[in-house]
């Protein structure tokens, strides 16, 4: 399945992901600057993405814990989600998300 990531310069990177993987791992494999400091434990917001409006309602609702972490995310918007909480399935083939300009992967310096 394919996932599209738009970076801060509006360049789109298309990545291939396996059903059952989460969006954070797919983003990191595609070289996107999502740190994922807590490794998917919802203890940070370093994997914050903005889901394209046409895809947002197709996702399961965010948990209260995810909403709490999104409250701390820089540049959060109505369609913001944590990439670690989006499990990819065939129904999300073509999912498009934007990486906020504030995103910075400290592992890359």
PDB file of N, CA and C in Angstrom:
ATOM      1  N   UNK A   1       0.837  -1.178   0.000  1.00  0.00           N
ATOM      2  CA  UNK A   1       0.000   0.000   0.000  1.00  0.00           C
ATOM      3  C   UNK A   1       0.878   1.235   0.000  1.00  0.00           C
ATOM      4  N   UNK A   2       0.314   2.349  -0.441  1.00  0.00           N
ATOM      5  CA  UNK A   2       1.075   3.591  -0.547  1.00  0.00           C
ATOM      6  C   UNK A   2       0.577   4.620   0.468  1.00  0.00           C
ATOM      7  N   UNK A   3       1.530   5.414   0.946  1.00  0.00           N
ATOM      8  CA  UNK A   3       1.251   6.517   1.856  1.00  0.00           C
ATOM      9  C   UNK A   3       2.011   7.724   1.319  1.00  0.00           C
ATOM     10  N   UNK A   4       1.395   8.886   1.383  1.00  0.00           N
ATOM     11  CA  UNK A   4       2.032  10.107   0.887  1.00  0.00           C
ATOM     12  C   UNK A   4       2.314  11.056   2.050  1.00  0.00           C
ATOM     13  N   UNK A   5       3.545  11.555   2.079  1.00  0.00           N
ATOM     14  CA  UNK A   5       3.968  12.506   3.098  1.00  0.00           C
ATOM     15  C   UNK A   5       4.327  13.818   2.418  1.00  0.00           C
ATOM     16  N   UNK A   6       3.734  14.907   2.862  1.00  0.00           N
ATOM     17  CA  UNK A   6       4.099  16.235   2.358  1.00  0.00           C
ATOM     18  C   UNK A   6       4.969  16.894   3.414  1.00  0.00           C
ATOM     19  N   UNK A   7       6.140  17.369   3.011  1.00  0.00           N
ATOM     20  CA  UNK A   7       7.022  18.011   3.983  1.00  0.00           C
ATOM     21  C   UNK A   7       6.724  19.509   4.057  1.00  0.00           C
ATOM     22  N   UNK A   8       7.492  20.220   4.858  1.00  0.00           N
ATOM     23  CA  UNK A   8       7.262  21.647   5.085  1.00  0.00           C
ATOM     24  C   UNK A   8       7.410  22.477   3.811  1.00  0.00           C
ATOM     25  N   UNK A   9       8.124  21.957   2.810  1.00  0.00           N
ATOM     26  CA  UNK A   9       8.303  22.666   1.533  1.00  0.00           C
ATOM     27  C   UNK A   9       7.264  22.235   0.507  1.00  0.00           C
ATOM     28  N   UNK A  10       6.234  21.497   0.957  1.00  0.00           N
ATOM     29  CA  UNK A  10       5.143  21.002   0.111  1.00  0.00           C
ATOM     30  C   UNK A  10       5.618  19.987  -0.925  1.00  0.00           C
ATOM     31  N   UNK A  11       6.776  19.389  -0.688  1.00  0.00           N
ATOM     32  CA  UNK A  11       7.243  18.304  -1.541  1.00  0.00           C
ATOM     33  C   UNK A  11       6.580  17.027  -1.040  1.00  0.00           C
ATOM     34  N   UNK A  12       6.126  16.201  -1.965  1.00  0.00           N
ATOM     35  CA  UNK A  12       5.439  14.966  -1.582  1.00  0.00           C
ATOM     36  C   UNK A  12       6.366  13.775  -1.796  1.00  0.00           C
ATOM     37  N   UNK A  13       6.468  12.963  -0.759  1.00  0.00           N
ATOM     38  CA  UNK A  13       7.236  11.729  -0.817  1.00  0.00           C
ATOM     39  C   UNK A  13       6.241  10.587  -0.706  1.00  0.00           C
ATOM     40  N   UNK A  14       6.266   9.693  -1.670  1.00  0.00           N
ATOM     41  CA  UNK A  14       5.369   8.535  -1.631  1.00  0.00           C
ATOM     42  C   UNK A  14       6.150   7.347  -1.102  1.00  0.00           C
ATOM     43  N   UNK A  15       5.566   6.665  -0.126  1.00  0.00           N
ATOM     44  CA  UNK A  15       6.221   5.520   0.493  1.00  0.00           C
ATOM     45  C   UNK A  15       5.340   4.287   0.367  1.00  0.00           C
ATOM     46  N   UNK A  16       5.976   3.143   0.404  1.00  0.00           N
ATOM     47  CA  UNK A  16       5.258   1.870   0.399  1.00  0.00           C
ATOM     48  C   UNK A  16       5.297   1.340   1.824  1.00  0.00           C
ATOM     49  N   UNK A  17       4.144   0.899   2.306  1.00  0.00           N
ATOM     50  CA  UNK A  17       4.042   0.365   3.659  1.00  0.00           C
ATOM     51  C   UNK A  17       3.280  -0.944   3.626  1.00  0.00           C
ATOM     52  N   UNK A  18       3.494  -1.737   4.653  1.00  0.00           N
ATOM     53  CA  UNK A  18       2.796  -3.018   4.754  1.00  0.00           C
ATOM     54  C   UNK A  18       1.550  -2.846   5.618  1.00  0.00           C
ATOM     55  N   UNK A  19       0.437  -3.441   5.241  1.00  0.00           N
ATOM     56  CA  UNK A  19      -0.744  -3.414   6.097  1.00  0.00           C
ATOM     57  C   UNK A  19      -0.391  -3.959   7.480  1.00  0.00           C
ATOM     58  N   UNK A  20      -0.882  -3.287   8.515  1.00  0.00           N
ATOM     59  CA  UNK A  20      -0.596  -3.683   9.888  1.00  0.00           C
ATOM     60  C   UNK A  20       0.533  -2.896  10.509  1.00  0.00           C
ATOM     61  N   UNK A  21       1.335  -2.231   9.674  1.00  0.00           N
ATOM     62  CA  UNK A  21       2.403  -1.384  10.204  1.00  0.00           C
ATOM     63  C   UNK A  21       1.776  -0.090  10.689  1.00  0.00           C
ATOM     64  N   UNK A  22       2.526   0.678  11.489  1.00  0.00           N
ATOM     65  CA  UNK A  22       1.977   1.974  11.857  1.00  0.00           C
ATOM     66  C   UNK A  22       2.632   3.065  11.013  1.00  0.00           C
ATOM     67  N   UNK A  23       1.967   4.201  10.968  1.00  0.00           N
ATOM     68  CA  UNK A  23       2.406   5.301  10.113  1.00  0.00           C
ATOM     69  C   UNK A  23       3.770   5.840  10.524  1.00  0.00           C
ATOM     70  N   UNK A  24       4.094   5.805  11.810  1.00  0.00           N
ATOM     71  CA  UNK A  24       5.402   6.289  12.261  1.00  0.00           C
ATOM     72  C   UNK A  24       6.521   5.474  11.626  1.00  0.00           C
ATOM     73  N   UNK A  25       6.427   4.167  11.667  1.00  0.00           N
ATOM     74  CA  UNK A  25       7.479   3.331  11.076  1.00  0.00           C
ATOM     75  C   UNK A  25       7.583   3.556   9.567  1.00  0.00           C
ATOM     76  N   UNK A  26       6.444   3.710   8.911  1.00  0.00           N
ATOM     77  CA  UNK A  26       6.455   3.972   7.466  1.00  0.00           C
ATOM     78  C   UNK A  26       7.121   5.316   7.178  1.00  0.00           C
ATOM     79  N   UNK A  27       6.836   6.312   7.995  1.00  0.00           N
ATOM     80  CA  UNK A  27       7.431   7.639   7.810  1.00  0.00           C
ATOM     81  C   UNK A  27       8.941   7.596   8.022  1.00  0.00           C
ATOM     82  N   UNK A  28       9.369   6.938   9.072  1.00  0.00           N
ATOM     83  CA  UNK A  28      10.804   6.844   9.340  1.00  0.00           C
ATOM     84  C   UNK A  28      11.522   6.091   8.228  1.00  0.00           C
ATOM     85  N   UNK A  29      10.921   5.027   7.724  1.00  0.00           N
ATOM     86  CA  UNK A  29      11.528   4.270   6.633  1.00  0.00           C
ATOM     87  C   UNK A  29      11.645   5.115   5.369  1.00  0.00           C
ATOM     88  N   UNK A  30      10.735   6.092   5.213  1.00  0.00           N
ATOM     89  CA  UNK A  30      10.754   6.977   4.042  1.00  0.00           C
ATOM     90  C   UNK A  30      11.648   8.201   4.272  1.00  0.00           C
ATOM     91  N   UNK A  31      12.300   8.271   5.437  1.00  0.00           N
ATOM     92  CA  UNK A  31      13.214   9.379   5.713  1.00  0.00           C
ATOM     93  C   UNK A  31      12.548  10.652   6.209  1.00  0.00           C
ATOM     94  N   UNK A  32      11.319  10.543   6.662  1.00  0.00           N
ATOM     95  CA  UNK A  32      10.616  11.719   7.174  1.00  0.00           C
ATOM     96  C   UNK A  32      11.138  12.079   8.569  1.00  0.00           C
ATOM     97  N   UNK A  33      11.144  13.378   8.909  1.00  0.00           N
ATOM     98  CA  UNK A  33      11.723  13.825  10.182  1.00  0.00           C
ATOM     99  C   UNK A  33      10.784  13.642  11.376  1.00  0.00           C
ATOM    100  N   UNK A  34      10.318  12.434  11.591  1.00  0.00           N
ATOM    101  CA  UNK A  34       9.478  12.134  12.751  1.00  0.00           C
ATOM    102  C   UNK A  34      10.307  11.305  13.718  1.00  0.00           C
ATOM    103  N   UNK A  35      10.581  11.875  14.862  1.00  0.00           N
ATOM    104  CA  UNK A  35      11.490  11.232  15.812  1.00  0.00           C
ATOM    105  C   UNK A  35      10.872  10.026  16.505  1.00  0.00           C
ATOM    106  N   UNK A  36       9.657  10.163  17.003  1.00  0.00           N
ATOM    107  CA  UNK A  36       9.049   9.041  17.723  1.00  0.00           C
ATOM    108  C   UNK A  36       9.819   8.695  18.978  1.00  0.00           C
ATOM    109  N   UNK A  37      10.173   9.701  19.751  1.00  0.00           N
ATOM    110  CA  UNK A  37      11.016   9.538  20.933  1.00  0.00           C
ATOM    111  C   UNK A  37      10.540   8.439  21.873  1.00  0.00           C
ATOM    112  N   UNK A  38       9.241   8.336  22.092  1.00  0.00           N
ATOM    113  CA  UNK A  38       8.710   7.368  23.063  1.00  0.00           C
ATOM    114  C   UNK A  38       8.450   6.006  22.439  1.00  0.00           C
ATOM    115  N   UNK A  39       8.806   5.841  21.179  1.00  0.00           N
ATOM    116  CA  UNK A  39       8.656   4.572  20.461  1.00  0.00           C
ATOM    117  C   UNK A  39       7.219   4.060  20.464  1.00  0.00           C
ATOM    118  N   UNK A  40       6.271   4.983  20.298  1.00  0.00           N
ATOM    119  CA  UNK A  40       4.871   4.598  20.162  1.00  0.00           C
ATOM    120  C   UNK A  40       4.117   4.399  21.452  1.00  0.00           C
ATOM    121  N   UNK A  41       4.656   4.869  22.551  1.00  0.00           N
ATOM    122  CA  UNK A  41       4.010   4.681  23.850  1.00  0.00           C
ATOM    123  C   UNK A  41       3.086   5.835  24.236  1.00  0.00           C
ATOM    124  N   UNK A  42       2.879   6.784  23.352  1.00  0.00           N
ATOM    125  CA  UNK A  42       2.048   7.979  23.579  1.00  0.00           C
ATOM    126  C   UNK A  42       2.518   8.792  24.779  1.00  0.00           C
ATOM    127  N   UNK A  43       3.825   8.919  24.914  1.00  0.00           N
ATOM    128  CA  UNK A  43       4.395   9.718  25.989  1.00  0.00           C
ATOM    129  C   UNK A  43       5.047  10.978  25.441  1.00  0.00           C
ATOM    130  N   UNK A  44       4.875  11.239  24.150  1.00  0.00           N
ATOM    131  CA  UNK A  44       5.436  12.447  23.534  1.00  0.00           C
ATOM    132  C   UNK A  44       4.577  12.793  22.323  1.00  0.00           C
ATOM    133  N   UNK A  45       4.943  13.849  21.634  1.00  0.00           N
ATOM    134  CA  UNK A  45       4.211  14.217  20.417  1.00  0.00           C
ATOM    135  C   UNK A  45       5.176  14.403  19.244  1.00  0.00           C
ATOM    136  N   UNK A  46       6.314  13.718  19.283  1.00  0.00           N
ATOM    137  CA  UNK A  46       7.329  13.896  18.243  1.00  0.00           C
ATOM    138  C   UNK A  46       7.017  13.155  16.949  1.00  0.00           C
ATOM    139  N   UNK A  47       5.854  12.519  16.882  1.00  0.00           N
ATOM    140  CA  UNK A  47       5.432  11.883  15.619  1.00  0.00           C
ATOM    141  C   UNK A  47       4.136  12.515  15.117  1.00  0.00           C
ATOM    142  N   UNK A  48       3.893  13.751  15.535  1.00  0.00           N
ATOM    143  CA  UNK A  48       2.694  14.488  15.146  1.00  0.00           C
ATOM    144  C   UNK A  48       2.662  14.711  13.634  1.00  0.00           C
ATOM    145  N   UNK A  49       1.528  14.373  13.023  1.00  0.00           N
ATOM    146  CA  UNK A  49       1.289  14.647  11.611  1.00  0.00           C
ATOM    147  C   UNK A  49      -0.079  15.305  11.464  1.00  0.00           C
ATOM    148  N   UNK A  50      -0.275  15.961  10.345  1.00  0.00           N
ATOM    149  CA  UNK A  50      -1.567  16.557  10.029  1.00  0.00           C
ATOM    150  C   UNK A  50      -2.157  15.742   8.878  1.00  0.00           C
ATOM    151  N   UNK A  51      -3.254  15.077   9.161  1.00  0.00           N
ATOM    152  CA  UNK A  51      -3.897  14.204   8.185  1.00  0.00           C
ATOM    153  C   UNK A  51      -4.694  15.058   7.203  1.00  0.00           C
ATOM    154  N   UNK A  52      -4.585  14.749   5.929  1.00  0.00           N
ATOM    155  CA  UNK A  52      -5.371  15.465   4.912  1.00  0.00           C
ATOM    156  C   UNK A  52      -6.854  15.342   5.264  1.00  0.00           C
ATOM    157  N   UNK A  53      -7.581  16.424   5.108  1.00  0.00           N
ATOM    158  CA  UNK A  53      -8.989  16.484   5.518  1.00  0.00           C
ATOM    159  C   UNK A  53      -9.815  15.347   4.943  1.00  0.00           C
ATOM    160  N   UNK A  54      -9.572  14.987   3.688  1.00  0.00           N
ATOM    161  CA  UNK A  54     -10.373  13.942   3.055  1.00  0.00           C
ATOM    162  C   UNK A  54     -10.100  12.552   3.637  1.00  0.00           C
ATOM    163  N   UNK A  55      -9.037  12.408   4.405  1.00  0.00           N
ATOM    164  CA  UNK A  55      -8.702  11.129   5.032  1.00  0.00           C
ATOM    165  C   UNK A  55      -9.033  11.091   6.514  1.00  0.00           C
ATOM    166  N   UNK A  56      -9.134  12.235   7.143  1.00  0.00           N
ATOM    167  CA  UNK A  56      -9.251  12.297   8.600  1.00  0.00           C
ATOM    168  C   UNK A  56     -10.426  11.484   9.149  1.00  0.00           C
ATOM    169  N   UNK A  57     -11.586  11.605   8.554  1.00  0.00           N
ATOM    170  CA  UNK A  57     -12.769  10.906   9.068  1.00  0.00           C
ATOM    171  C   UNK A  57     -12.733   9.396   8.807  1.00  0.00           C
ATOM    172  N   UNK A  58     -11.785   8.935   8.023  1.00  0.00           N
ATOM    173  CA  UNK A  58     -11.664   7.500   7.767  1.00  0.00           C
ATOM    174  C   UNK A  58     -10.876   6.794   8.877  1.00  0.00           C
ATOM    175  N   UNK A  59     -10.213   7.583   9.705  1.00  0.00           N
ATOM    176  CA  UNK A  59      -9.412   7.017  10.783  1.00  0.00           C
ATOM    177  C   UNK A  59     -10.277   6.758  12.011  1.00  0.00           C
ATOM    178  N   UNK A  60      -9.926   5.749  12.803  1.00  0.00           N
ATOM    179  CA  UNK A  60     -10.613   5.581  14.084  1.00  0.00           C
ATOM    180  C   UNK A  60     -10.373   6.823  14.942  1.00  0.00           C
ATOM    181  N   UNK A  61     -11.295   7.131  15.833  1.00  0.00           N
ATOM    182  CA  UNK A  61     -11.128   8.300  16.686  1.00  0.00           C
ATOM    183  C   UNK A  61      -9.896   8.157  17.562  1.00  0.00           C
ATOM    184  N   UNK A  62      -9.282   9.293  17.856  1.00  0.00           N
ATOM    185  CA  UNK A  62      -8.126   9.317  18.748  1.00  0.00           C
ATOM    186  C   UNK A  62      -8.585   9.021  20.174  1.00  0.00           C
ATOM    187  N   UNK A  63      -7.747   8.312  20.903  1.00  0.00           N
ATOM    188  CA  UNK A  63      -8.044   8.045  22.313  1.00  0.00           C
ATOM    189  C   UNK A  63      -7.838   9.333  23.119  1.00  0.00           C
ATOM    190  N   UNK A  64      -8.316   9.317  24.343  1.00  0.00           N
ATOM    191  CA  UNK A  64      -8.127  10.478  25.218  1.00  0.00           C
ATOM    192  C   UNK A  64      -6.638  10.733  25.461  1.00  0.00           C
ATOM    193  N   UNK A  65      -5.860   9.659  25.594  1.00  0.00           N
ATOM    194  CA  UNK A  65      -4.415   9.803  25.806  1.00  0.00           C
ATOM    195  C   UNK A  65      -3.746  10.459  24.600  1.00  0.00           C
ATOM    196  N   UNK A  66      -4.172  10.053  23.402  1.00  0.00           N
ATOM    197  CA  UNK A  66      -3.610  10.664  22.195  1.00  0.00           C
ATOM    198  C   UNK A  66      -3.995  12.136  22.123  1.00  0.00           C
ATOM    199  N   UNK A  67      -5.246  12.447  22.419  1.00  0.00           N
ATOM    200  CA  UNK A  67      -5.687  13.849  22.417  1.00  0.00           C
ATOM    201  C   UNK A  67      -4.861  14.685  23.394  1.00  0.00           C
ATOM    202  N   UNK A  68      -4.557  14.119  24.564  1.00  0.00           N
ATOM    203  CA  UNK A  68      -3.741  14.833  25.551  1.00  0.00           C
ATOM    204  C   UNK A  68      -2.358  15.140  24.998  1.00  0.00           C
ATOM    205  N   UNK A  69      -1.751  14.184  24.298  1.00  0.00           N
ATOM    206  CA  UNK A  69      -0.429  14.404  23.714  1.00  0.00           C
ATOM    207  C   UNK A  69      -0.503  15.419  22.574  1.00  0.00           C
ATOM    208  N   UNK A  70      -1.573  15.384  21.797  1.00  0.00           N
ATOM    209  CA  UNK A  70      -1.722  16.344  20.698  1.00  0.00           C
ATOM    210  C   UNK A  70      -1.869  17.762  21.222  1.00  0.00           C
ATOM    211  N   UNK A  71      -2.414  17.918  22.431  1.00  0.00           N
ATOM    212  CA  UNK A  71      -2.503  19.253  23.038  1.00  0.00           C
ATOM    213  C   UNK A  71      -1.126  19.859  23.232  1.00  0.00           C
ATOM    214  N   UNK A  72      -0.090  19.032  23.310  1.00  0.00           N
ATOM    215  CA  UNK A  72       1.285  19.498  23.521  1.00  0.00           C
ATOM    216  C   UNK A  72       2.072  19.649  22.215  1.00  0.00           C
ATOM    217  N   UNK A  73       1.492  19.205  21.125  1.00  0.00           N
ATOM    218  CA  UNK A  73       2.199  19.209  19.837  1.00  0.00           C
ATOM    219  C   UNK A  73       2.261  20.615  19.238  1.00  0.00           C
ATOM    220  N   UNK A  74       3.450  20.996  18.791  1.00  0.00           N
ATOM    221  CA  UNK A  74       3.613  22.288  18.118  1.00  0.00           C
ATOM    222  C   UNK A  74       2.880  22.258  16.787  1.00  0.00           C
ATOM    223  N   UNK A  75       2.103  23.281  16.514  1.00  0.00           N
ATOM    224  CA  UNK A  75       1.407  23.390  15.243  1.00  0.00           C
ATOM    225  C   UNK A  75       0.222  22.455  15.088  1.00  0.00           C
ATOM    226  N   UNK A  76      -0.337  21.962  16.196  1.00  0.00           N
ATOM    227  CA  UNK A  76      -1.470  21.037  16.113  1.00  0.00           C
ATOM    228  C   UNK A  76      -2.680  21.724  15.483  1.00  0.00           C
ATOM    229  N   UNK A  77      -3.414  20.932  14.718  1.00  0.00           N
ATOM    230  CA  UNK A  77      -4.621  21.416  14.037  1.00  0.00           C
ATOM    231  C   UNK A  77      -5.755  20.430  14.268  1.00  0.00           C
ATOM    232  N   UNK A  78      -6.919  20.730  13.730  1.00  0.00           N
ATOM    233  CA  UNK A  78      -8.093  19.878  13.916  1.00  0.00           C
ATOM    234  C   UNK A  78      -7.843  18.452  13.416  1.00  0.00           C
ATOM    235  N   UNK A  79      -7.080  18.307  12.348  1.00  0.00           N
ATOM    236  CA  UNK A  79      -6.848  16.980  11.777  1.00  0.00           C
ATOM    237  C   UNK A  79      -5.497  16.390  12.197  1.00  0.00           C
ATOM    238  N   UNK A  80      -4.944  16.857  13.295  1.00  0.00           N
ATOM    239  CA  UNK A  80      -3.672  16.327  13.791  1.00  0.00           C
ATOM    240  C   UNK A  80      -3.866  14.964  14.427  1.00  0.00           C
ATOM    241  N   UNK A  81      -2.874  14.109  14.249  1.00  0.00           N
ATOM    242  CA  UNK A  81      -2.845  12.797  14.888  1.00  0.00           C
ATOM    243  C   UNK A  81      -1.394  12.433  15.190  1.00  0.00           C
ATOM    244  N   UNK A  82      -1.204  11.441  16.041  1.00  0.00           N
ATOM    245  CA  UNK A  82       0.121  10.888  16.288  1.00  0.00           C
ATOM    246  C   UNK A  82       0.311   9.727  15.315  1.00  0.00           C
ATOM    247  N   UNK A  83       1.384   9.776  14.543  1.00  0.00           N
ATOM    248  CA  UNK A  83       1.617   8.756  13.524  1.00  0.00           C
ATOM    249  C   UNK A  83       1.745   7.358  14.133  1.00  0.00           C
ATOM    250  N   UNK A  84       2.221   7.277  15.371  1.00  0.00           N
ATOM    251  CA  UNK A  84       2.381   5.968  16.007  1.00  0.00           C
ATOM    252  C   UNK A  84       1.038   5.306  16.298  1.00  0.00           C
ATOM    253  N   UNK A  85      -0.037   6.073  16.275  1.00  0.00           N
ATOM    254  CA  UNK A  85      -1.355   5.535  16.607  1.00  0.00           C
ATOM    255  C   UNK A  85      -2.202   5.217  15.380  1.00  0.00           C
ATOM    256  N   UNK A  86      -1.655   5.437  14.202  1.00  0.00           N
ATOM    257  CA  UNK A  86      -2.380   5.136  12.966  1.00  0.00           C
ATOM    258  C   UNK A  86      -1.866   3.814  12.418  1.00  0.00           C
ATOM    259  N   UNK A  87      -2.691   2.784  12.552  1.00  0.00           N
ATOM    260  CA  UNK A  87      -2.348   1.463  12.025  1.00  0.00           C
ATOM    261  C   UNK A  87      -2.836   1.410  10.588  1.00  0.00           C
ATOM    262  N   UNK A  88      -1.917   1.096   9.712  1.00  0.00           N
ATOM    263  CA  UNK A  88      -2.225   1.104   8.284  1.00  0.00           C
ATOM    264  C   UNK A  88      -2.925  -0.178   7.860  1.00  0.00           C
ATOM    265  N   UNK A  89      -3.991  -0.003   7.122  1.00  0.00           N
ATOM    266  CA  UNK A  89      -4.723  -1.111   6.532  1.00  0.00           C
ATOM    267  C   UNK A  89      -5.041  -0.764   5.097  1.00  0.00           C
ATOM    268  N   UNK A  90      -5.514  -1.736   4.341  1.00  0.00           N
ATOM    269  CA  UNK A  90      -5.826  -1.511   2.929  1.00  0.00           C
ATOM    270  C   UNK A  90      -6.790  -0.346   2.723  1.00  0.00           C
ATOM    271  N   UNK A  91      -7.674  -0.108   3.707  1.00  0.00           N
ATOM    272  CA  UNK A  91      -8.624   1.001   3.594  1.00  0.00           C
ATOM    273  C   UNK A  91      -7.937   2.366   3.639  1.00  0.00           C
ATOM    274  N   UNK A  92      -6.661   2.397   4.032  1.00  0.00           N
ATOM    275  CA  UNK A  92      -5.907   3.653   4.081  1.00  0.00           C
ATOM    276  C   UNK A  92      -4.892   3.749   2.945  1.00  0.00           C
ATOM    277  N   UNK A  93      -5.009   2.892   1.942  1.00  0.00           N
ATOM    278  CA  UNK A  93      -4.110   2.957   0.795  1.00  0.00           C
ATOM    279  C   UNK A  93      -4.261   4.323   0.128  1.00  0.00           C
ATOM    280  N   UNK A  94      -3.164   5.066   0.049  1.00  0.00           N
ATOM    281  CA  UNK A  94      -3.191   6.404  -0.523  1.00  0.00           C
ATOM    282  C   UNK A  94      -3.268   7.504   0.520  1.00  0.00           C
ATOM    283  N   UNK A  95      -3.282   7.131   1.809  1.00  0.00           N
ATOM    284  CA  UNK A  95      -3.347   8.117   2.894  1.00  0.00           C
ATOM    285  C   UNK A  95      -2.325   9.222   2.674  1.00  0.00           C
ATOM    286  N   UNK A  96      -2.757  10.455   2.881  1.00  0.00           N
ATOM    287  CA  UNK A  96      -1.879  11.609   2.725  1.00  0.00           C
ATOM    288  C   UNK A  96      -1.836  12.387   4.025  1.00  0.00           C
ATOM    289  N   UNK A  97      -0.617  12.648   4.494  1.00  0.00           N
ATOM    290  CA  UNK A  97      -0.416  13.433   5.712  1.00  0.00           C
ATOM    291  C   UNK A  97       0.673  14.456   5.467  1.00  0.00           C
ATOM    292  N   UNK A  98       0.630  15.531   6.247  1.00  0.00           N
ATOM    293  CA  UNK A  98       1.672  16.556   6.180  1.00  0.00           C
ATOM    294  C   UNK A  98       2.524  16.476   7.441  1.00  0.00           C
ATOM    295  N   UNK A  99       3.804  16.663   7.253  1.00  0.00           N
ATOM    296  CA  UNK A  99       4.738  16.746   8.371  1.00  0.00           C
ATOM    297  C   UNK A  99       4.815  18.222   8.756  1.00  0.00           C
ATOM    298  N   UNK A 100       4.436  18.584   9.978  1.00  0.00           N
ATOM    299  CA  UNK A 100       4.472  19.997  10.364  1.00  0.00           C
ATOM    300  C   UNK A 100       5.868  20.595  10.227  1.00  0.00           C
ATOM    301  N   UNK A 101       5.924  21.857   9.899  1.00  0.00           N
ATOM    302  CA  UNK A 101       7.213  22.549   9.752  1.00  0.00           C
ATOM    303  C   UNK A 101       8.015  22.498  11.040  1.00  0.00           C
ATOM    304  N   UNK A 102       7.328  22.374  12.173  1.00  0.00           N
ATOM    305  CA  UNK A 102       8.004  22.344  13.474  1.00  0.00           C
ATOM    306  C   UNK A 102       8.670  21.001  13.749  1.00  0.00           C
ATOM    307  N   UNK A 103       8.408  19.985  12.953  1.00  0.00           N
ATOM    308  CA  UNK A 103       8.955  18.645  13.183  1.00  0.00           C
ATOM    309  C   UNK A 103      10.471  18.668  12.997  1.00  0.00           C
ATOM    310  N   UNK A 104      11.152  18.004  13.924  1.00  0.00           N
ATOM    311  CA  UNK A 104      12.607  17.908  13.833  1.00  0.00           C
ATOM    312  C   UNK A 104      13.025  16.590  14.460  1.00  0.00           C
ATOM    313  N   UNK A 105      13.754  15.819  13.742  1.00  0.00           N
ATOM    314  CA  UNK A 105      14.236  14.537  14.243  1.00  0.00           C
ATOM    315  C   UNK A 105      15.615  14.757  14.827  1.00  0.00           C
ATOM    316  N   UNK A 106      15.710  14.745  16.156  1.00  0.00           N
ATOM    317  CA  UNK A 106      16.978  14.999  16.846  1.00  0.00           C
ATOM    318  C   UNK A 106      18.026  13.912  16.536  1.00  0.00           C
ATOM    319  N   UNK A 107      17.584  12.748  16.077  1.00  0.00           N
ATOM    320  CA  UNK A 107      18.533  11.703  15.726  1.00  0.00           C
ATOM    321  C   UNK A 107      19.367  12.090  14.517  1.00  0.00           C
ATOM    322  N   UNK A 108      18.875  13.044  13.729  1.00  0.00           N
ATOM    323  CA  UNK A 108      19.560  13.456  12.505  1.00  0.00           C
ATOM    324  C   UNK A 108      20.380  14.722  12.682  1.00  0.00           C
ATOM    325  N   UNK A 109      20.378  15.271  13.883  1.00  0.00           N
ATOM    326  CA  UNK A 109      21.191  16.454  14.152  1.00  0.00           C
ATOM    327  C   UNK A 109      20.564  17.755  13.822  1.00  0.00           C
TER     328      UNK A 109
END
